[in-house]
All heavy atoms as atom14 arrays in JSON, in Angstrom:
{
  "sequence": "VDGVVDIMNLYVNVENRKQGIATKLMEYMFENERY",
  "atom14_mask": [
    [1, 1, 1, 1, 1, 1, 1, 0, 0, 0, 0, 0, 0, 0],
    [1, 1, 1, 1, 1, 1, 1, 1, 0, 0, 0, 0, 0, 0],
    [1, 1, 1, 1, 0, 0, 0, 0, 0, 0, 0, 0, 0, 0],
    [1, 1, 1, 1, 1, 1, 1, 0, 0, 0, 0, 0, 0, 0],
    [1, 1, 1, 1, 1, 1, 1, 0, 0, 0, 0, 0, 0, 0],
    [1, 1, 1, 1, 1, 1, 1, 1, 0, 0, 0, 0, 0, 0],
    [1, 1, 1, 1, 1, 1, 1, 1, 0, 0, 0, 0, 0, 0],
    [1, 1, 1, 1, 1, 1, 1, 1, 0, 0, 0, 0, 0, 0],
    [1, 1, 1, 1, 1, 1, 1, 1, 0, 0, 0, 0, 0, 0],
    [1, 1, 1, 1, 1, 1, 1, 1, 0, 0, 0, 0, 0, 0],
    [1, 1, 1, 1, 1, 1, 1, 1, 1, 1, 1, 1, 0, 0],
    [1, 1, 1, 1, 1, 1, 1, 0, 0, 0, 0, 0, 0, 0],
    [1, 1, 1, 1, 1, 1, 1, 1, 0, 0, 0, 0, 0, 0],
    [1, 1, 1, 1, 1, 1, 1, 0, 0, 0, 0, 0, 0, 0],
    [1, 1, 1, 1, 1, 1, 1, 1, 1, 0, 0, 0, 0, 0],
    [1, 1, 1, 1, 1, 1, 1, 1, 0, 0, 0, 0, 0, 0],
    [1, 1, 1, 1, 1, 1, 1, 1, 1, 1, 1, 0, 0, 0],
    [1, 1, 1, 1, 1, 1, 1, 1, 1, 0, 0, 0, 0, 0],
    [1, 1, 1, 1, 1, 1, 1, 1, 1, 0, 0, 0, 0, 0],
    [1, 1, 1, 1, 0, 0, 0, 0, 0, 0, 0, 0, 0, 0],
    [1, 1, 1, 1, 1, 1, 1, 1, 0, 0, 0, 0, 0, 0],
    [1, 1, 1, 1, 1, 0, 0, 0, 0, 0, 0, 0, 0, 0],
    [1, 1, 1, 1, 1, 1, 1, 0, 0, 0, 0, 0, 0, 0],
    [1, 1, 1, 1, 1, 1, 1, 1, 1, 0, 0, 0, 0, 0],
    [1, 1, 1, 1, 1, 1, 1, 1, 0, 0, 0, 0, 0, 0],
    [1, 1, 1, 1, 1, 1, 1, 1, 0, 0, 0, 0, 0, 0],
    [1, 1, 1, 1, 1, 1, 1, 1, 1, 0, 0, 0, 0, 0],
    [1, 1, 1, 1, 1, 1, 1, 1, 1, 1, 1, 1, 0, 0],
    [1, 1, 1, 1, 1, 1, 1, 1, 0, 0, 0, 0, 0, 0],
    [1, 1, 1, 1, 1, 1, 1, 1, 1, 1, 1, 0, 0, 0],
    [1, 1, 1, 1, 1, 1, 1, 1, 1, 0, 0, 0, 0, 0],
    [1, 1, 1, 1, 1, 1, 1, 1, 0, 0, 0, 0, 0, 0],
    [1, 1, 1, 1, 1, 1, 1, 1, 1, 0, 0, 0, 0, 0],
    [1, 1, 1, 1, 1, 1, 1, 1, 1, 1, 1, 0, 0, 0],
    [1, 1, 1, 1, 1, 1, 1, 1, 1, 1, 1, 1, 0, 0]
  ],
  "atom14_positions": [
    [[-5.57, -8.67, 108.93], [-4.9, -8.46, 107.65], [-3.99, -9.65, 107.4], [-3.13, -9.97, 108.23], [-4.09, -7.15, 107.64], [-3.37, -6.98, 106.31], [-4.99, -5.95, 107.93], [0.0, 0.0, 0.0], [0.0, 0.0, 0.0], [0.0, 0.0, 0.0], [0.0, 0.0, 0.0], [0.0, 0.0, 0.0], [0.0, 0.0, 0.0], [0.0, 0.0, 0.0]],
    [[-4.18, -10.32, 106.26], [-3.33, -11.43, 105.85], [-3.18, -12.49, 106.93], [-2.08, -12.98, 107.2], [-1.95, -10.93, 105.41], [-2.02, -10.08, 104.14], [-2.93, -10.31, 103.33], [-1.16, -9.21, 103.98], [0.0, 0.0, 0.0], [0.0, 0.0, 0.0], [0.0, 0.0, 0.0], [0.0, 0.0, 0.0], [0.0, 0.0, 0.0], [0.0, 0.0, 0.0]],
    [[-4.26, -12.84, 107.58], [-4.24, -13.91, 108.58], [-3.71, -13.52, 109.94], [-3.6, -14.36, 110.83], [0.0, 0.0, 0.0], [0.0, 0.0, 0.0], [0.0, 0.0, 0.0], [0.0, 0.0, 0.0], [0.0, 0.0, 0.0], [0.0, 0.0, 0.0], [0.0, 0.0, 0.0], [0.0, 0.0, 0.0], [0.0, 0.0, 0.0], [0.0, 0.0, 0.0]],
    [[-3.4, -12.24, 110.13], [-2.9, -11.77, 111.42], [-3.94, -10.83, 112.04], [-4.32, -9.83, 111.44], [-1.55, -11.03, 111.28], [-1.09, -10.49, 112.62], [-0.51, -11.94, 110.66], [0.0, 0.0, 0.0], [0.0, 0.0, 0.0], [0.0, 0.0, 0.0], [0.0, 0.0, 0.0], [0.0, 0.0, 0.0], [0.0, 0.0, 0.0], [0.0, 0.0, 0.0]],
    [[-4.38, -11.17, 113.23], [-5.3, -10.32, 113.99], [-4.46, -9.41, 114.87], [-3.58, -9.88, 115.6], [-6.25, -11.15, 114.88], [-7.02, -10.25, 115.84], [-7.21, -11.96, 114.04], [0.0, 0.0, 0.0], [0.0, 0.0, 0.0], [0.0, 0.0, 0.0], [0.0, 0.0, 0.0], [0.0, 0.0, 0.0], [0.0, 0.0, 0.0], [0.0, 0.0, 0.0]],
    [[-4.72, -8.11, 114.78], [-4.14, -7.15, 115.72], [-5.25, -6.73, 116.67], [-6.31, -6.27, 116.22], [-3.6, -5.92, 114.99], [-2.27, -6.17, 114.34], [-1.37, -6.7, 115.02], [-2.12, -5.84, 113.15], [0.0, 0.0, 0.0], [0.0, 0.0, 0.0], [0.0, 0.0, 0.0], [0.0, 0.0, 0.0], [0.0, 0.0, 0.0], [0.0, 0.0, 0.0]],
    [[-5.01, -6.91, 117.96], [-5.96, -6.44, 118.96], [-5.74, -4.93, 119.08], [-4.68, -4.48, 119.51], [-5.73, -7.11, 120.33], [-5.79, -8.63, 120.22], [-6.7, -6.55, 121.38], [-7.13, -9.21, 119.92], [0.0, 0.0, 0.0], [0.0, 0.0, 0.0], [0.0, 0.0, 0.0], [0.0, 0.0, 0.0], [0.0, 0.0, 0.0], [0.0, 0.0, 0.0]],
    [[-6.72, -4.17, 118.69], [-6.62, -2.71, 118.72], [-7.05, -2.18, 120.1], [-6.38, -1.33, 120.66], [-7.48, -2.09, 117.63], [-7.21, -2.64, 116.23], [-5.5, -2.53, 115.71], [-5.37, -0.77, 115.45], [0.0, 0.0, 0.0], [0.0, 0.0, 0.0], [0.0, 0.0, 0.0], [0.0, 0.0, 0.0], [0.0, 0.0, 0.0], [0.0, 0.0, 0.0]],
    [[-8.17, -2.69, 120.6], [-8.68, -2.27, 121.91], [-9.47, -3.42, 122.54], [-10.21, -4.12, 121.83], [-9.64, -1.08, 121.77], [-8.94, 0.2, 121.44], [-8.14, 0.69, 122.21], [-9.25, 0.75, 120.27], [0.0, 0.0, 0.0], [0.0, 0.0, 0.0], [0.0, 0.0, 0.0], [0.0, 0.0, 0.0], [0.0, 0.0, 0.0], [0.0, 0.0, 0.0]],
    [[-9.31, -3.58, 123.82], [-10.14, -4.48, 124.62], [-10.49, -3.7, 125.87], [-9.6, -3.27, 126.61], [-9.37, -5.76, 124.98], [-10.1, -6.72, 125.92], [-11.44, -7.19, 125.35], [-9.2, -7.91, 126.24], [0.0, 0.0, 0.0], [0.0, 0.0, 0.0], [0.0, 0.0, 0.0], [0.0, 0.0, 0.0], [0.0, 0.0, 0.0], [0.0, 0.0, 0.0]],
    [[-11.77, -3.46, 126.06], [-12.2, -2.64, 127.18], [-13.45, -3.23, 127.82], [-14.37, -3.66, 127.12], [-12.5, -1.2, 126.71], [-12.97, -0.32, 127.84], [-12.06, 0.22, 128.73], [-14.31, -0.08, 128.04], [-12.48, 1.01, 129.79], [-14.75, 0.71, 129.09], [-13.83, 1.25, 129.97], [-14.25, 2.01, 131.02], [0.0, 0.0, 0.0], [0.0, 0.0, 0.0]],
    [[-13.46, -3.21, 129.15], [-14.64, -3.59, 129.93], [-14.89, -2.46, 130.93], [-13.94, -1.97, 131.58], [-14.43, -4.92, 130.68], [-15.63, -5.25, 131.56], [-14.19, -6.06, 129.68], [0.0, 0.0, 0.0], [0.0, 0.0, 0.0], [0.0, 0.0, 0.0], [0.0, 0.0, 0.0], [0.0, 0.0, 0.0], [0.0, 0.0, 0.0], [0.0, 0.0, 0.0]],
    [[-16.15, -2.02, 131.04], [-16.51, -0.98, 131.99], [-15.97, -1.34, 133.37], [-16.03, -2.5, 133.78], [-18.03, -0.81, 132.08], [-18.65, -0.32, 130.79], [-17.98, 0.28, 129.95], [-19.93, -0.6, 130.62], [0.0, 0.0, 0.0], [0.0, 0.0, 0.0], [0.0, 0.0, 0.0], [0.0, 0.0, 0.0], [0.0, 0.0, 0.0], [0.0, 0.0, 0.0]],
    [[-15.46, -0.36, 134.08], [-14.83, -0.58, 135.37], [-15.75, -1.37, 136.31], [-15.32, -2.33, 136.96], [-14.41, 0.77, 136.02], [-13.89, 0.56, 137.42], [-13.37, 1.47, 135.16], [0.0, 0.0, 0.0], [0.0, 0.0, 0.0], [0.0, 0.0, 0.0], [0.0, 0.0, 0.0], [0.0, 0.0, 0.0], [0.0, 0.0, 0.0], [0.0, 0.0, 0.0]],
    [[-17.02, -1.01, 136.36], [-17.95, -1.66, 137.29], [-18.31, -3.09, 136.87], [-18.93, -3.82, 137.64], [-19.22, -0.82, 137.49], [-20.03, -0.57, 136.23], [-19.57, 0.66, 135.45], [-18.54, 1.27, 135.76], [-20.29, 1.0, 134.49], [0.0, 0.0, 0.0], [0.0, 0.0, 0.0], [0.0, 0.0, 0.0], [0.0, 0.0, 0.0], [0.0, 0.0, 0.0]],
    [[-17.93, -3.5, 135.67], [-18.25, -4.84, 135.18], [-17.02, -5.73, 135.05], [-17.11, -6.83, 134.5], [-18.95, -4.75, 133.82], [-20.24, -3.98, 133.9], [-20.32, -2.85, 133.41], [-21.23, -4.53, 134.55], [0.0, 0.0, 0.0], [0.0, 0.0, 0.0], [0.0, 0.0, 0.0], [0.0, 0.0, 0.0], [0.0, 0.0, 0.0], [0.0, 0.0, 0.0]],
    [[-15.89, -5.3, 135.56], [-14.67, -6.09, 135.46], [-14.71, -7.27, 136.45], [-15.5, -7.29, 137.37], [-13.44, -5.22, 135.72], [-13.28, -4.21, 134.58], [-12.06, -3.37, 134.7], [-12.05, -2.41, 133.58], [-11.27, -1.38, 133.51], [-10.38, -1.15, 134.45], [-11.34, -0.57, 132.47], [0.0, 0.0, 0.0], [0.0, 0.0, 0.0], [0.0, 0.0, 0.0]],
    [[-13.84, -8.23, 136.2], [-13.71, -9.44, 137.02], [-14.98, -10.3, 136.97], [-15.32, -10.98, 137.93], [-13.31, -9.1, 138.45], [-11.96, -8.43, 138.5], [-11.43, -8.32, 139.89], [-10.07, -7.65, 139.83], [-9.29, -7.82, 140.99], [0.0, 0.0, 0.0], [0.0, 0.0, 0.0], [0.0, 0.0, 0.0], [0.0, 0.0, 0.0], [0.0, 0.0, 0.0]],
    [[-15.68, -10.24, 135.83], [-16.86, -11.07, 135.6], [-16.67, -11.99, 134.41], [-17.61, -12.63, 133.95], [-18.1, -10.2, 135.38], [-18.46, -9.33, 136.56], [-19.63, -8.4, 136.25], [-20.41, -8.61, 135.33], [-19.74, -7.34, 137.04], [0.0, 0.0, 0.0], [0.0, 0.0, 0.0], [0.0, 0.0, 0.0], [0.0, 0.0, 0.0], [0.0, 0.0, 0.0]],
    [[-15.46, -12.02, 133.85], [-15.16, -12.88, 132.71], [-15.53, -12.31, 131.36], [-15.47, -13.01, 130.35], [0.0, 0.0, 0.0], [0.0, 0.0, 0.0], [0.0, 0.0, 0.0], [0.0, 0.0, 0.0], [0.0, 0.0, 0.0], [0.0, 0.0, 0.0], [0.0, 0.0, 0.0], [0.0, 0.0, 0.0], [0.0, 0.0, 0.0], [0.0, 0.0, 0.0]],
    [[-15.9, -11.05, 131.3], [-16.34, -10.44, 130.05], [-15.2, -10.37, 129.04], [-15.38, -10.73, 127.87], [-16.97, -9.05, 130.31], [-18.28, -9.21, 131.1], [-17.2, -8.3, 129.01], [-18.88, -7.92, 131.6], [0.0, 0.0, 0.0], [0.0, 0.0, 0.0], [0.0, 0.0, 0.0], [0.0, 0.0, 0.0], [0.0, 0.0, 0.0], [0.0, 0.0, 0.0]],
    [[-14.02, -9.93, 129.46], [-12.88, -9.85, 128.54], [-12.53, -11.23, 127.99], [-12.27, -11.39, 126.8], [-11.68, -9.22, 129.23], [0.0, 0.0, 0.0], [0.0, 0.0, 0.0], [0.0, 0.0, 0.0], [0.0, 0.0, 0.0], [0.0, 0.0, 0.0], [0.0, 0.0, 0.0], [0.0, 0.0, 0.0], [0.0, 0.0, 0.0], [0.0, 0.0, 0.0]],
    [[-12.56, -12.23, 128.85], [-12.29, -13.6, 128.41], [-13.31, -14.06, 127.39], [-12.96, -14.63, 126.36], [-12.27, -14.57, 129.62], [-11.24, -14.15, 130.52], [-12.02, -16.0, 129.18], [0.0, 0.0, 0.0], [0.0, 0.0, 0.0], [0.0, 0.0, 0.0], [0.0, 0.0, 0.0], [0.0, 0.0, 0.0], [0.0, 0.0, 0.0], [0.0, 0.0, 0.0]],
    [[-14.58, -13.78, 127.64], [-15.64, -14.18, 126.71], [-15.49, -13.49, 125.36], [-15.68, -14.11, 124.31], [-17.01, -13.89, 127.31], [-17.36, -14.82, 128.45], [-18.67, -14.43, 129.1], [-18.91, -15.3, 130.33], [-20.06, -14.86, 131.11], [0.0, 0.0, 0.0], [0.0, 0.0, 0.0], [0.0, 0.0, 0.0], [0.0, 0.0, 0.0], [0.0, 0.0, 0.0]],
    [[-15.14, -12.21, 125.37], [-14.93, -11.49, 124.11], [-13.78, -12.1, 123.33], [-13.88, -12.34, 122.12], [-14.64, -10.01, 124.39], [-15.85, -9.16, 124.76], [-15.4, -7.83, 125.39], [-16.73, -8.9, 123.54], [0.0, 0.0, 0.0], [0.0, 0.0, 0.0], [0.0, 0.0, 0.0], [0.0, 0.0, 0.0], [0.0, 0.0, 0.0], [0.0, 0.0, 0.0]],
    [[-12.67, -12.38, 124.0], [-11.51, -12.97, 123.34], [-11.83, -14.37, 122.81], [-11.48, -14.7, 121.68], [-10.32, -13.01, 124.29], [-9.79, -11.64, 124.68], [-8.98, -10.76, 123.33], [-7.45, -11.67, 123.24], [0.0, 0.0, 0.0], [0.0, 0.0, 0.0], [0.0, 0.0, 0.0], [0.0, 0.0, 0.0], [0.0, 0.0, 0.0], [0.0, 0.0, 0.0]],
    [[-12.48, -15.19, 123.62], [-12.81, -16.55, 123.18], [-13.77, -16.53, 122.0], [-13.66, -17.36, 121.09], [-13.38, -17.35, 124.35], [-12.3, -17.7, 125.37], [-12.83, -18.38, 126.61], [-14.07, -18.33, 126.87], [-12.0, -18.95, 127.35], [0.0, 0.0, 0.0], [0.0, 0.0, 0.0], [0.0, 0.0, 0.0], [0.0, 0.0, 0.0], [0.0, 0.0, 0.0]],
    [[-14.71, -15.6, 121.99], [-15.62, -15.47, 120.85], [-14.83, -15.15, 119.58], [-15.07, -15.73, 118.53], [-16.67, -14.38, 121.13], [-17.69, -14.28, 120.03], [-18.81, -15.11, 120.03], [-17.55, -13.37, 118.99], [-19.76, -15.04, 119.02], [-18.49, -13.29, 117.98], [-19.6, -14.13, 117.99], [-20.51, -14.05, 116.98], [0.0, 0.0, 0.0], [0.0, 0.0, 0.0]],
    [[-13.86, -14.24, 119.71], [-13.03, -13.88, 118.56], [-12.21, -15.09, 118.1], [-12.11, -15.35, 116.91], [-12.11, -12.71, 118.93], [-11.3, -12.17, 117.77], [-9.63, -12.84, 117.66], [-8.97, -12.45, 119.26], [0.0, 0.0, 0.0], [0.0, 0.0, 0.0], [0.0, 0.0, 0.0], [0.0, 0.0, 0.0], [0.0, 0.0, 0.0], [0.0, 0.0, 0.0]],
    [[-11.63, -15.85, 119.04], [-10.86, -17.05, 118.67], [-11.7, -17.99, 117.81], [-11.21, -18.57, 116.85], [-10.4, -17.84, 119.9], [-9.43, -17.14, 120.81], [-9.34, -17.51, 122.14], [-8.6, -16.12, 120.35], [-8.42, -16.89, 122.99], [-7.68, -15.49, 121.19], [-7.61, -15.89, 122.52], [0.0, 0.0, 0.0], [0.0, 0.0, 0.0], [0.0, 0.0, 0.0]],
    [[-12.96, -18.15, 118.17], [-13.85, -19.09, 117.5], [-14.4, -18.58, 116.17], [-14.78, -19.38, 115.31], [-15.03, -19.45, 118.42], [-14.62, -20.19, 119.66], [-15.75, -20.34, 120.66], [-16.9, -20.0, 120.34], [-15.47, -20.78, 121.8], [0.0, 0.0, 0.0], [0.0, 0.0, 0.0], [0.0, 0.0, 0.0], [0.0, 0.0, 0.0], [0.0, 0.0, 0.0]],
    [[-14.44, -17.26, 115.99], [-15.15, -16.7, 114.84], [-14.28, -16.0, 113.81], [-14.79, -15.56, 112.79], [-16.24, -15.74, 115.33], [-17.36, -16.5, 115.99], [-18.19, -17.09, 115.32], [-17.35, -16.55, 117.32], [0.0, 0.0, 0.0], [0.0, 0.0, 0.0], [0.0, 0.0, 0.0], [0.0, 0.0, 0.0], [0.0, 0.0, 0.0], [0.0, 0.0, 0.0]],
    [[-13.01, -15.89, 114.05], [-12.1, -15.25, 113.09], [-11.17, -16.3, 112.51], [-10.76, -17.22, 113.21], [-11.28, -14.14, 113.74], [-12.09, -12.93, 114.16], [-12.69, -12.15, 113.0], [-12.2, -12.25, 111.85], [-13.66, -11.4, 113.26], [0.0, 0.0, 0.0], [0.0, 0.0, 0.0], [0.0, 0.0, 0.0], [0.0, 0.0, 0.0], [0.0, 0.0, 0.0]],
    [[-10.84, -16.15, 111.25], [-9.85, -17.02, 110.59], [-8.51, -16.33, 110.65], [-8.31, -15.34, 109.96], [-10.26, -17.3, 109.15], [-11.54, -18.1, 109.08], [-11.94, -18.3, 107.65], [-13.23, -18.96, 107.63], [-13.57, -19.87, 106.78], [-12.74, -20.24, 105.83], [-14.76, -20.42, 106.83], [0.0, 0.0, 0.0], [0.0, 0.0, 0.0], [0.0, 0.0, 0.0]],
    [[-7.64, -16.86, 111.47], [-6.35, -16.22, 111.67], [-5.25, -17.26, 111.82], [-5.51, -18.42, 112.13], [-6.37, -15.33, 112.92], [-6.58, -16.11, 114.21], [-5.49, -16.6, 114.93], [-7.86, -16.36, 114.7], [-5.68, -17.31, 116.09], [-8.05, -17.08, 115.86], [-6.96, -17.56, 116.56], [-7.14, -18.28, 117.71], [0.0, 0.0, 0.0], [0.0, 0.0, 0.0]]
  ]
}
């Protein structure tokens, strides 16, 4: 909203954590959102 991104939820399945998934999701958002 108005150039401000609010992170509402970031979740990775317990068995898939520590594989860089959260980082990849965040980096994808950095590259694809205008904020």
